[in-house]
N, C-alpha and C. Protein backbone atom coordinates (compact mmCIF):
# COMPACT_ATOMS: atom_id res chain seq x y z
N MET A 1 265.21 62.14 -43.75
CA MET A 1 264.27 62.58 -42.76
C MET A 1 263.14 61.56 -42.57
N PHE A 2 262.58 61.11 -43.69
CA PHE A 2 261.50 60.13 -43.63
C PHE A 2 261.99 58.85 -42.97
N ARG A 3 263.21 58.41 -43.33
CA ARG A 3 263.79 57.18 -42.77
C ARG A 3 263.93 57.32 -41.25
N ARG A 4 264.40 58.47 -40.79
CA ARG A 4 264.56 58.69 -39.35
C ARG A 4 263.21 58.61 -38.63
N MET A 5 262.16 59.16 -39.22
CA MET A 5 260.83 59.11 -38.60
C MET A 5 260.31 57.68 -38.54
N VAL A 6 260.55 56.90 -39.59
CA VAL A 6 260.11 55.50 -39.60
C VAL A 6 260.85 54.72 -38.52
N VAL A 7 262.16 54.91 -38.41
CA VAL A 7 262.95 54.21 -37.39
C VAL A 7 262.47 54.60 -35.99
N MET A 8 262.27 55.88 -35.76
CA MET A 8 261.81 56.33 -34.44
C MET A 8 260.41 55.75 -34.13
N GLY A 9 259.55 55.71 -35.12
CA GLY A 9 258.23 55.13 -34.92
C GLY A 9 258.30 53.65 -34.58
N LEU A 10 259.15 52.90 -35.27
CA LEU A 10 259.32 51.47 -34.97
C LEU A 10 259.90 51.25 -33.58
N VAL A 11 260.85 52.07 -33.20
CA VAL A 11 261.43 51.96 -31.85
C VAL A 11 260.35 52.23 -30.80
N ALA A 12 259.53 53.26 -31.02
CA ALA A 12 258.47 53.58 -30.06
C ALA A 12 257.47 52.44 -29.95
N ILE A 13 257.10 51.83 -31.07
CA ILE A 13 256.18 50.69 -31.05
C ILE A 13 256.80 49.52 -30.30
N GLY A 14 258.09 49.25 -30.57
CA GLY A 14 258.77 48.15 -29.89
C GLY A 14 258.87 48.36 -28.39
N VAL A 15 259.21 49.56 -27.95
CA VAL A 15 259.30 49.86 -26.51
C VAL A 15 257.94 49.71 -25.85
N THR A 16 256.89 50.20 -26.51
CA THR A 16 255.53 50.08 -25.96
C THR A 16 255.13 48.62 -25.82
N ALA A 17 255.40 47.82 -26.84
CA ALA A 17 255.06 46.39 -26.78
C ALA A 17 255.85 45.69 -25.68
N TRP A 18 257.13 46.02 -25.54
CA TRP A 18 257.95 45.40 -24.49
C TRP A 18 257.41 45.78 -23.11
N ALA A 19 257.03 47.05 -22.93
CA ALA A 19 256.51 47.51 -21.63
C ALA A 19 255.21 46.81 -21.28
N GLU A 20 254.35 46.60 -22.27
CA GLU A 20 253.07 45.92 -22.01
C GLU A 20 253.30 44.47 -21.62
N GLU A 21 254.26 43.80 -22.26
CA GLU A 21 254.55 42.39 -21.94
C GLU A 21 255.14 42.24 -20.55
N SER A 22 255.94 43.20 -20.13
CA SER A 22 256.61 43.08 -18.83
C SER A 22 255.79 43.65 -17.68
N SER A 23 254.65 44.28 -17.97
CA SER A 23 253.81 44.85 -16.92
C SER A 23 252.98 43.75 -16.26
N PRO A 24 252.78 43.86 -14.95
CA PRO A 24 251.91 42.88 -14.29
C PRO A 24 250.46 43.09 -14.73
N PRO A 25 249.63 42.05 -14.61
CA PRO A 25 248.22 42.21 -14.98
C PRO A 25 247.55 43.21 -14.03
N PRO A 26 246.46 43.83 -14.47
CA PRO A 26 245.78 44.77 -13.58
C PRO A 26 245.34 44.08 -12.31
N SER A 27 245.44 44.80 -11.20
CA SER A 27 245.09 44.19 -9.92
C SER A 27 243.58 44.24 -9.69
N LYS A 28 243.10 43.27 -8.95
CA LYS A 28 241.70 43.23 -8.55
C LYS A 28 241.58 44.00 -7.24
N PRO A 29 240.37 44.42 -6.88
CA PRO A 29 240.22 45.11 -5.60
C PRO A 29 240.76 44.25 -4.46
N GLN A 30 241.55 44.87 -3.60
CA GLN A 30 242.15 44.15 -2.49
C GLN A 30 241.12 43.93 -1.38
N GLY A 31 241.34 42.91 -0.60
CA GLY A 31 240.47 42.66 0.53
C GLY A 31 240.12 41.19 0.62
N PRO A 32 239.32 40.86 1.60
CA PRO A 32 238.94 39.46 1.79
C PRO A 32 238.04 38.97 0.67
N SER A 33 237.98 37.66 0.55
CA SER A 33 237.09 37.03 -0.42
C SER A 33 235.81 36.60 0.29
N PRO A 34 234.68 36.69 -0.39
CA PRO A 34 233.44 36.27 0.26
C PRO A 34 233.43 34.77 0.54
N SER A 35 232.85 34.39 1.67
CA SER A 35 232.69 32.97 1.98
C SER A 35 231.53 32.38 1.19
N ARG A 36 230.58 33.24 0.81
CA ARG A 36 229.52 32.82 -0.11
C ARG A 36 228.96 34.05 -0.81
N SER A 37 228.48 33.83 -2.01
CA SER A 37 227.90 34.91 -2.80
C SER A 37 226.98 34.30 -3.84
N GLY A 38 226.17 35.13 -4.42
CA GLY A 38 225.27 34.65 -5.45
C GLY A 38 224.05 35.53 -5.56
N HIS A 39 223.04 34.99 -6.21
CA HIS A 39 221.78 35.70 -6.40
C HIS A 39 220.68 34.97 -5.64
N LEU A 40 219.81 35.72 -4.98
CA LEU A 40 218.65 35.16 -4.30
C LEU A 40 217.39 35.81 -4.87
N PRO A 41 216.30 35.05 -4.96
CA PRO A 41 215.04 35.65 -5.41
C PRO A 41 214.44 36.49 -4.27
N ILE A 42 214.50 37.79 -4.41
CA ILE A 42 214.03 38.72 -3.38
C ILE A 42 213.06 39.71 -4.02
N ASN A 43 211.81 39.69 -3.63
CA ASN A 43 210.81 40.67 -4.06
C ASN A 43 210.81 40.91 -5.58
N GLY A 44 210.88 39.84 -6.34
CA GLY A 44 210.85 39.94 -7.80
C GLY A 44 212.19 40.23 -8.45
N LEU A 45 213.24 40.33 -7.66
CA LEU A 45 214.59 40.56 -8.17
C LEU A 45 215.41 39.29 -8.05
N LYS A 46 216.50 39.23 -8.76
CA LYS A 46 217.56 38.26 -8.50
C LYS A 46 218.66 39.08 -7.84
N LEU A 47 218.56 39.22 -6.53
CA LEU A 47 219.41 40.13 -5.76
C LEU A 47 220.78 39.51 -5.52
N TYR A 48 221.83 40.21 -5.94
CA TYR A 48 223.20 39.73 -5.73
C TYR A 48 223.66 40.13 -4.34
N TYR A 49 224.31 39.19 -3.65
CA TYR A 49 224.80 39.45 -2.30
C TYR A 49 226.15 38.75 -2.11
N GLU A 50 226.87 39.21 -1.10
CA GLU A 50 228.12 38.56 -0.67
C GLU A 50 228.12 38.50 0.84
N VAL A 51 228.60 37.39 1.38
CA VAL A 51 228.76 37.21 2.82
C VAL A 51 230.23 36.96 3.09
N TYR A 52 230.77 37.67 4.06
CA TYR A 52 232.16 37.50 4.48
C TYR A 52 232.12 36.94 5.90
N GLY A 53 232.75 35.79 6.11
CA GLY A 53 232.69 35.12 7.40
C GLY A 53 231.50 34.17 7.45
N GLU A 54 231.32 33.56 8.58
CA GLU A 54 230.24 32.58 8.76
C GLU A 54 229.12 33.19 9.60
N LEU A 55 227.93 33.22 9.04
CA LEU A 55 226.77 33.75 9.77
C LEU A 55 226.37 32.78 10.87
N GLY A 56 226.03 33.32 12.03
CA GLY A 56 225.55 32.50 13.13
C GLY A 56 226.64 31.85 13.97
N LYS A 57 227.90 32.06 13.65
CA LYS A 57 229.00 31.43 14.39
C LYS A 57 229.60 32.35 15.44
N SER A 58 229.14 33.59 15.52
CA SER A 58 229.72 34.57 16.43
C SER A 58 228.64 35.16 17.32
N LYS A 59 229.05 35.62 18.50
CA LYS A 59 228.12 36.32 19.39
C LYS A 59 227.85 37.73 18.88
N THR A 60 228.75 38.26 18.04
CA THR A 60 228.59 39.58 17.47
C THR A 60 227.63 39.51 16.28
N ALA A 61 226.70 40.45 16.25
CA ALA A 61 225.73 40.49 15.14
C ALA A 61 226.47 40.76 13.84
N PRO A 62 226.01 40.16 12.74
CA PRO A 62 226.63 40.48 11.45
C PRO A 62 226.36 41.95 11.09
N LEU A 63 227.21 42.48 10.24
CA LEU A 63 227.06 43.85 9.77
C LEU A 63 226.53 43.82 8.34
N LEU A 64 225.41 44.48 8.11
CA LEU A 64 224.87 44.64 6.77
C LEU A 64 225.33 46.00 6.26
N LEU A 65 226.17 45.99 5.21
CA LEU A 65 226.63 47.23 4.58
C LEU A 65 225.76 47.51 3.37
N ILE A 66 225.27 48.74 3.25
CA ILE A 66 224.40 49.10 2.13
C ILE A 66 225.08 50.22 1.34
N PRO A 67 225.49 49.93 0.10
CA PRO A 67 226.16 50.94 -0.72
C PRO A 67 225.22 52.07 -1.13
N GLY A 68 225.81 53.19 -1.51
CA GLY A 68 225.05 54.33 -1.99
C GLY A 68 224.65 54.18 -3.45
N ALA A 69 223.99 55.20 -3.95
CA ALA A 69 223.55 55.21 -5.36
C ALA A 69 224.75 55.08 -6.28
N PHE A 70 224.59 54.30 -7.32
CA PHE A 70 225.59 54.07 -8.35
C PHE A 70 226.81 53.31 -7.82
N LEU A 71 226.73 52.76 -6.62
CA LEU A 71 227.80 51.94 -6.05
C LEU A 71 227.34 50.49 -6.01
N SER A 72 228.29 49.59 -5.79
CA SER A 72 227.97 48.16 -5.77
C SER A 72 228.82 47.46 -4.73
N THR A 73 228.66 46.14 -4.65
CA THR A 73 229.46 45.36 -3.70
C THR A 73 230.94 45.58 -3.95
N ASP A 74 231.35 45.68 -5.20
CA ASP A 74 232.78 45.88 -5.50
C ASP A 74 233.32 47.18 -4.90
N SER A 75 232.51 48.21 -4.88
CA SER A 75 232.96 49.50 -4.34
C SER A 75 233.06 49.47 -2.81
N MET A 76 232.49 48.46 -2.19
CA MET A 76 232.49 48.36 -0.73
C MET A 76 233.64 47.51 -0.18
N LYS A 77 234.53 47.01 -1.04
CA LYS A 77 235.63 46.13 -0.60
C LYS A 77 236.46 46.75 0.53
N PRO A 78 236.86 48.03 0.44
CA PRO A 78 237.63 48.60 1.56
C PRO A 78 236.83 48.62 2.86
N TRP A 79 235.55 48.86 2.76
CA TRP A 79 234.70 48.85 3.95
C TRP A 79 234.63 47.45 4.54
N VAL A 80 234.42 46.47 3.67
CA VAL A 80 234.36 45.08 4.12
C VAL A 80 235.67 44.71 4.82
N ALA A 81 236.80 45.07 4.22
CA ALA A 81 238.10 44.73 4.80
C ALA A 81 238.26 45.33 6.19
N ALA A 82 237.67 46.48 6.44
CA ALA A 82 237.79 47.13 7.74
C ALA A 82 237.03 46.39 8.84
N PHE A 83 236.01 45.63 8.47
CA PHE A 83 235.16 44.98 9.47
C PHE A 83 235.25 43.46 9.50
N ALA A 84 235.58 42.84 8.38
CA ALA A 84 235.46 41.38 8.25
C ALA A 84 236.39 40.60 9.16
N ALA A 85 237.46 41.18 9.64
CA ALA A 85 238.37 40.46 10.54
C ALA A 85 237.72 40.19 11.89
N LYS A 86 236.74 41.00 12.28
CA LYS A 86 236.15 40.88 13.61
C LYS A 86 234.69 40.42 13.62
N ARG A 87 234.06 40.38 12.45
CA ARG A 87 232.64 40.01 12.41
C ARG A 87 232.23 39.60 11.01
N SER A 88 231.08 38.97 10.90
CA SER A 88 230.51 38.64 9.59
C SER A 88 230.00 39.91 8.94
N VAL A 89 230.15 40.00 7.63
CA VAL A 89 229.70 41.17 6.89
C VAL A 89 228.86 40.69 5.70
N ILE A 90 227.75 41.37 5.48
CA ILE A 90 226.87 41.11 4.34
C ILE A 90 226.79 42.40 3.54
N VAL A 91 226.92 42.28 2.24
CA VAL A 91 226.77 43.44 1.36
C VAL A 91 226.00 42.97 0.12
N PHE A 92 225.18 43.86 -0.44
CA PHE A 92 224.36 43.46 -1.59
C PHE A 92 224.24 44.60 -2.59
N ASP A 93 223.91 44.23 -3.81
CA ASP A 93 223.67 45.20 -4.87
C ASP A 93 222.17 45.48 -4.94
N GLN A 94 221.80 46.74 -4.81
CA GLN A 94 220.40 47.13 -4.89
C GLN A 94 219.89 47.04 -6.33
N GLN A 95 218.61 47.12 -6.50
CA GLN A 95 217.99 47.07 -7.83
C GLN A 95 218.68 48.05 -8.77
N GLY A 96 219.08 47.55 -9.95
CA GLY A 96 219.71 48.40 -10.95
C GLY A 96 221.14 48.78 -10.65
N HIS A 97 221.77 48.11 -9.70
CA HIS A 97 223.15 48.39 -9.31
C HIS A 97 223.97 47.11 -9.39
N GLY A 98 225.22 47.24 -9.82
CA GLY A 98 226.13 46.10 -9.82
C GLY A 98 225.57 44.89 -10.54
N ARG A 99 225.48 43.77 -9.84
CA ARG A 99 225.04 42.51 -10.44
C ARG A 99 223.56 42.22 -10.25
N THR A 100 222.81 43.19 -9.72
CA THR A 100 221.35 43.06 -9.61
C THR A 100 220.73 43.88 -10.72
N ALA A 101 220.02 43.20 -11.59
CA ALA A 101 219.43 43.88 -12.76
C ALA A 101 218.33 44.84 -12.34
N ASP A 102 218.07 45.80 -13.20
CA ASP A 102 216.95 46.70 -13.01
C ASP A 102 215.68 46.00 -13.49
N THR A 103 214.55 46.41 -12.97
CA THR A 103 213.26 45.89 -13.40
C THR A 103 212.31 47.07 -13.57
N SER A 104 211.10 46.78 -13.95
CA SER A 104 210.11 47.84 -14.15
C SER A 104 209.43 48.26 -12.85
N ARG A 105 209.75 47.60 -11.74
CA ARG A 105 209.09 47.98 -10.49
C ARG A 105 209.61 49.33 -9.99
N LYS A 106 208.84 49.95 -9.16
CA LYS A 106 209.16 51.27 -8.62
C LYS A 106 210.43 51.21 -7.78
N MET A 107 211.28 52.23 -7.92
CA MET A 107 212.47 52.36 -7.07
C MET A 107 212.14 53.33 -5.95
N SER A 108 212.42 52.93 -4.72
CA SER A 108 212.23 53.83 -3.59
C SER A 108 213.07 53.35 -2.42
N TYR A 109 213.35 54.24 -1.51
CA TYR A 109 214.08 53.86 -0.30
C TYR A 109 213.31 52.78 0.46
N GLU A 110 211.97 52.95 0.49
CA GLU A 110 211.13 51.98 1.20
C GLU A 110 211.26 50.59 0.57
N GLN A 111 211.19 50.54 -0.76
CA GLN A 111 211.29 49.24 -1.45
C GLN A 111 212.66 48.62 -1.21
N PHE A 112 213.70 49.43 -1.30
CA PHE A 112 215.05 48.90 -1.07
C PHE A 112 215.21 48.43 0.38
N GLY A 113 214.56 49.13 1.33
CA GLY A 113 214.58 48.69 2.73
C GLY A 113 213.89 47.34 2.89
N ASP A 114 212.78 47.16 2.18
CA ASP A 114 212.09 45.87 2.20
C ASP A 114 212.95 44.77 1.58
N ASP A 115 213.70 45.12 0.52
CA ASP A 115 214.62 44.15 -0.10
C ASP A 115 215.69 43.73 0.89
N ALA A 116 216.23 44.70 1.63
CA ALA A 116 217.27 44.39 2.63
C ALA A 116 216.71 43.47 3.71
N ALA A 117 215.48 43.74 4.15
CA ALA A 117 214.85 42.89 5.16
C ALA A 117 214.65 41.47 4.63
N ALA A 118 214.18 41.36 3.40
CA ALA A 118 213.96 40.03 2.81
C ALA A 118 215.29 39.28 2.64
N LEU A 119 216.35 40.00 2.32
CA LEU A 119 217.67 39.37 2.22
C LEU A 119 218.11 38.82 3.57
N LEU A 120 217.98 39.62 4.63
CA LEU A 120 218.36 39.14 5.96
C LEU A 120 217.55 37.90 6.34
N ARG A 121 216.28 37.92 6.05
CA ARG A 121 215.45 36.74 6.37
C ARG A 121 215.86 35.53 5.54
N ALA A 122 216.17 35.74 4.27
CA ALA A 122 216.60 34.63 3.41
C ALA A 122 217.92 34.03 3.89
N LEU A 123 218.77 34.86 4.46
CA LEU A 123 220.05 34.39 5.00
C LEU A 123 219.92 33.89 6.44
N LYS A 124 218.68 33.90 6.96
CA LYS A 124 218.37 33.45 8.32
C LYS A 124 219.10 34.27 9.39
N VAL A 125 219.17 35.57 9.15
CA VAL A 125 219.77 36.50 10.11
C VAL A 125 218.63 37.11 10.91
N GLU A 126 218.64 36.88 12.23
CA GLU A 126 217.57 37.39 13.09
C GLU A 126 217.71 38.88 13.35
N ARG A 127 218.95 39.34 13.59
CA ARG A 127 219.24 40.75 13.84
C ARG A 127 220.61 41.07 13.28
N ALA A 128 220.74 42.26 12.74
CA ALA A 128 222.03 42.70 12.20
C ALA A 128 222.29 44.14 12.59
N ASP A 129 223.56 44.48 12.71
CA ASP A 129 223.94 45.88 12.76
C ASP A 129 223.92 46.34 11.31
N VAL A 130 223.45 47.55 11.06
CA VAL A 130 223.26 48.02 9.69
C VAL A 130 223.99 49.35 9.51
N MET A 131 224.76 49.43 8.43
CA MET A 131 225.43 50.68 8.08
C MET A 131 225.22 50.96 6.60
N GLY A 132 224.66 52.13 6.30
CA GLY A 132 224.44 52.53 4.93
C GLY A 132 225.10 53.85 4.63
N TYR A 133 225.57 53.98 3.39
CA TYR A 133 226.24 55.19 2.95
C TYR A 133 225.40 55.89 1.87
N SER A 134 225.16 57.17 2.03
CA SER A 134 224.44 58.00 1.07
C SER A 134 223.04 57.41 0.82
N GLN A 135 222.73 57.02 -0.40
CA GLN A 135 221.42 56.39 -0.64
C GLN A 135 221.26 55.18 0.27
N GLY A 136 222.34 54.44 0.48
CA GLY A 136 222.30 53.28 1.37
C GLY A 136 221.95 53.67 2.80
N GLY A 137 222.32 54.90 3.20
CA GLY A 137 221.93 55.40 4.52
C GLY A 137 220.43 55.61 4.61
N GLY A 138 219.84 56.12 3.53
CA GLY A 138 218.38 56.27 3.48
C GLY A 138 217.68 54.93 3.49
N VAL A 139 218.26 53.96 2.80
CA VAL A 139 217.71 52.60 2.79
C VAL A 139 217.82 52.00 4.20
N ALA A 140 218.95 52.23 4.85
CA ALA A 140 219.14 51.72 6.22
C ALA A 140 218.10 52.31 7.17
N LEU A 141 217.81 53.61 7.02
CA LEU A 141 216.78 54.24 7.85
C LEU A 141 215.42 53.58 7.61
N GLN A 142 215.07 53.32 6.35
CA GLN A 142 213.80 52.67 6.05
C GLN A 142 213.76 51.24 6.58
N LEU A 143 214.88 50.54 6.49
CA LEU A 143 214.95 49.18 7.04
C LEU A 143 214.65 49.22 8.54
N ALA A 144 215.26 50.16 9.24
CA ALA A 144 215.05 50.26 10.70
C ALA A 144 213.62 50.67 11.04
N LEU A 145 213.04 51.57 10.25
CA LEU A 145 211.67 52.03 10.51
C LEU A 145 210.63 50.96 10.17
N ARG A 146 210.83 50.26 9.08
CA ARG A 146 209.83 49.32 8.59
C ARG A 146 210.00 47.90 9.15
N HIS A 147 211.22 47.57 9.57
CA HIS A 147 211.52 46.22 10.07
C HIS A 147 212.42 46.32 11.31
N PRO A 148 211.93 46.98 12.37
CA PRO A 148 212.79 47.25 13.53
C PRO A 148 213.30 46.00 14.24
N THR A 149 212.61 44.88 14.13
CA THR A 149 213.07 43.68 14.82
C THR A 149 214.32 43.09 14.18
N LEU A 150 214.64 43.50 12.95
CA LEU A 150 215.83 42.99 12.27
C LEU A 150 217.08 43.82 12.54
N VAL A 151 216.90 45.04 13.06
CA VAL A 151 218.03 45.96 13.20
C VAL A 151 218.45 46.06 14.66
N ASN A 152 219.72 45.76 14.90
CA ASN A 152 220.31 45.89 16.22
C ASN A 152 220.84 47.31 16.42
N LYS A 153 221.86 47.68 15.67
CA LYS A 153 222.42 49.03 15.70
C LYS A 153 222.35 49.60 14.29
N LEU A 154 222.23 50.93 14.20
CA LEU A 154 222.07 51.59 12.91
C LEU A 154 223.07 52.73 12.77
N VAL A 155 223.78 52.74 11.64
CA VAL A 155 224.66 53.85 11.29
C VAL A 155 224.25 54.30 9.89
N SER A 156 223.89 55.57 9.77
CA SER A 156 223.50 56.14 8.49
C SER A 156 224.47 57.27 8.16
N LEU A 157 225.28 57.07 7.12
CA LEU A 157 226.31 58.04 6.74
C LEU A 157 225.90 58.83 5.51
N SER A 158 225.98 60.14 5.59
CA SER A 158 225.72 61.04 4.46
C SER A 158 224.36 60.79 3.82
N ALA A 159 223.38 60.50 4.64
CA ALA A 159 222.03 60.26 4.12
C ALA A 159 221.18 61.52 4.31
N THR A 160 220.24 61.71 3.41
CA THR A 160 219.30 62.82 3.56
C THR A 160 218.16 62.39 4.46
N TYR A 161 217.60 63.33 5.16
CA TYR A 161 216.42 63.01 5.96
C TYR A 161 215.27 63.98 5.66
N ARG A 162 215.56 65.03 4.88
CA ARG A 162 214.52 65.96 4.45
C ARG A 162 214.74 66.31 2.98
N LYS A 163 213.69 66.32 2.20
CA LYS A 163 213.81 66.60 0.77
C LYS A 163 214.00 68.08 0.46
N ASP A 164 213.64 68.98 1.37
CA ASP A 164 213.74 70.40 1.05
C ASP A 164 215.18 70.91 0.99
N GLY A 165 216.13 70.10 1.41
CA GLY A 165 217.54 70.48 1.32
C GLY A 165 218.21 69.99 0.05
N TRP A 166 217.50 69.23 -0.76
CA TRP A 166 218.09 68.69 -2.00
C TRP A 166 218.11 69.75 -3.07
N TYR A 167 219.11 69.67 -3.90
CA TYR A 167 219.21 70.58 -5.04
C TYR A 167 218.19 70.18 -6.08
N PRO A 168 217.31 71.10 -6.49
CA PRO A 168 216.32 70.73 -7.51
C PRO A 168 217.00 70.58 -8.87
N ILE A 169 216.59 69.56 -9.61
CA ILE A 169 217.13 69.35 -10.95
C ILE A 169 216.00 69.35 -11.95
N ASP A 170 216.35 69.49 -13.18
CA ASP A 170 215.35 69.46 -14.24
C ASP A 170 215.13 68.02 -14.65
N GLY A 171 214.06 67.42 -14.18
CA GLY A 171 213.77 66.02 -14.46
C GLY A 171 213.44 65.75 -15.92
N ASP A 172 213.11 66.80 -16.70
CA ASP A 172 212.80 66.58 -18.12
C ASP A 172 213.95 65.91 -18.85
N ALA A 173 215.16 66.21 -18.45
CA ALA A 173 216.32 65.61 -19.11
C ALA A 173 216.33 64.10 -18.92
N PHE A 174 215.79 63.63 -17.80
CA PHE A 174 215.80 62.21 -17.49
C PHE A 174 214.49 61.51 -17.86
N LEU A 175 213.39 62.27 -17.87
CA LEU A 175 212.08 61.64 -18.01
C LEU A 175 211.35 61.99 -19.29
N GLY A 176 212.03 62.57 -20.23
CA GLY A 176 211.41 62.86 -21.52
C GLY A 176 210.18 63.75 -21.41
N GLY A 177 210.28 64.82 -20.62
CA GLY A 177 209.19 65.78 -20.52
C GLY A 177 208.14 65.47 -19.48
N ARG A 178 208.33 64.41 -18.68
CA ARG A 178 207.32 64.02 -17.68
C ARG A 178 207.54 64.68 -16.34
N ALA A 179 208.54 65.55 -16.21
CA ALA A 179 208.82 66.12 -14.88
C ALA A 179 209.16 67.59 -15.00
N SER A 180 208.88 68.31 -13.96
CA SER A 180 209.37 69.67 -13.85
C SER A 180 210.51 69.63 -12.83
N ARG A 181 210.90 70.76 -12.32
CA ARG A 181 212.02 70.78 -11.37
C ARG A 181 211.61 70.04 -10.09
N GLN A 182 212.26 68.89 -9.86
CA GLN A 182 211.94 68.04 -8.73
C GLN A 182 213.22 67.57 -8.06
N PRO A 183 213.13 67.20 -6.77
CA PRO A 183 214.29 66.58 -6.15
C PRO A 183 214.66 65.28 -6.86
N LEU A 184 215.92 64.91 -6.81
CA LEU A 184 216.41 63.73 -7.50
C LEU A 184 215.63 62.48 -7.11
N SER A 185 215.24 62.34 -5.84
CA SER A 185 214.53 61.12 -5.42
C SER A 185 213.24 60.96 -6.19
N LEU A 186 212.55 62.06 -6.47
CA LEU A 186 211.30 61.95 -7.22
C LEU A 186 211.57 61.57 -8.67
N VAL A 187 212.68 62.05 -9.21
CA VAL A 187 213.05 61.67 -10.57
C VAL A 187 213.33 60.20 -10.64
N VAL A 188 214.08 59.66 -9.66
CA VAL A 188 214.40 58.23 -9.66
C VAL A 188 213.12 57.42 -9.52
N LYS A 189 212.20 57.84 -8.64
CA LYS A 189 210.95 57.11 -8.47
C LYS A 189 210.11 57.14 -9.74
N ALA A 190 210.08 58.28 -10.42
CA ALA A 190 209.26 58.41 -11.61
C ALA A 190 209.85 57.67 -12.79
N LYS A 191 211.15 57.41 -12.77
CA LYS A 191 211.84 56.74 -13.88
C LYS A 191 211.27 55.34 -14.12
N ALA A 192 210.99 54.63 -13.05
CA ALA A 192 210.57 53.22 -13.17
C ALA A 192 209.19 53.08 -13.74
C-alpha cells in the first residue's frame, strides 16, 4: 500500500513538472505598445504616463484616458486598443496608483485634475478629448472645470456628481479613529 502511494505521488509530481515545462509563458496584456512612456515631474510627483501614436501629427485631438480608483495604465489596455488605431491616446497613473508613487500631499479630484492638466501641458498638448472612468470620471470633470481651455470633448463614465448618494462607510477602520461615518471621498482625502 505504501509503495503504491509513493509511486502515485512520483507520477503526479512528474506529470505536473512536464505540464509546467510544456506550458507557454503567461501572456502580457494584449494591445498596442506605447510610442513613448516614462515619468514626468508633475506637481511634486514622478507621474507615469504612456502615449500611443504620435502627438501633433493628426487633425484629431488626442484622447486622454483617466483610469478609476485602484486602476492603472495596465488596466486601460483594452480601452487604448479600442481607440489607438484612429487617434493618439494618452493614459497616466494617478498619485498612489500603478507606477506613480504615493506622497504625503492631499488626494482630491481637484488635485488629480490639476495633475492631468500639467501632464497635457508637459506633453505640449493644446487640447484633448478626455474620457474618465469612475474616479477618473470625477477627475475628468475637475479637469474640464478647472482647465477648460485644455478640454475639447468630455466623457465621464460612472462618475459621481453628488456626495449624498454615496454609501457611508466607517472611516475609523481606515484612519485609526480620526473619522466617523463619512463618504469614501472624505476618507481618501483625510488619509493623506
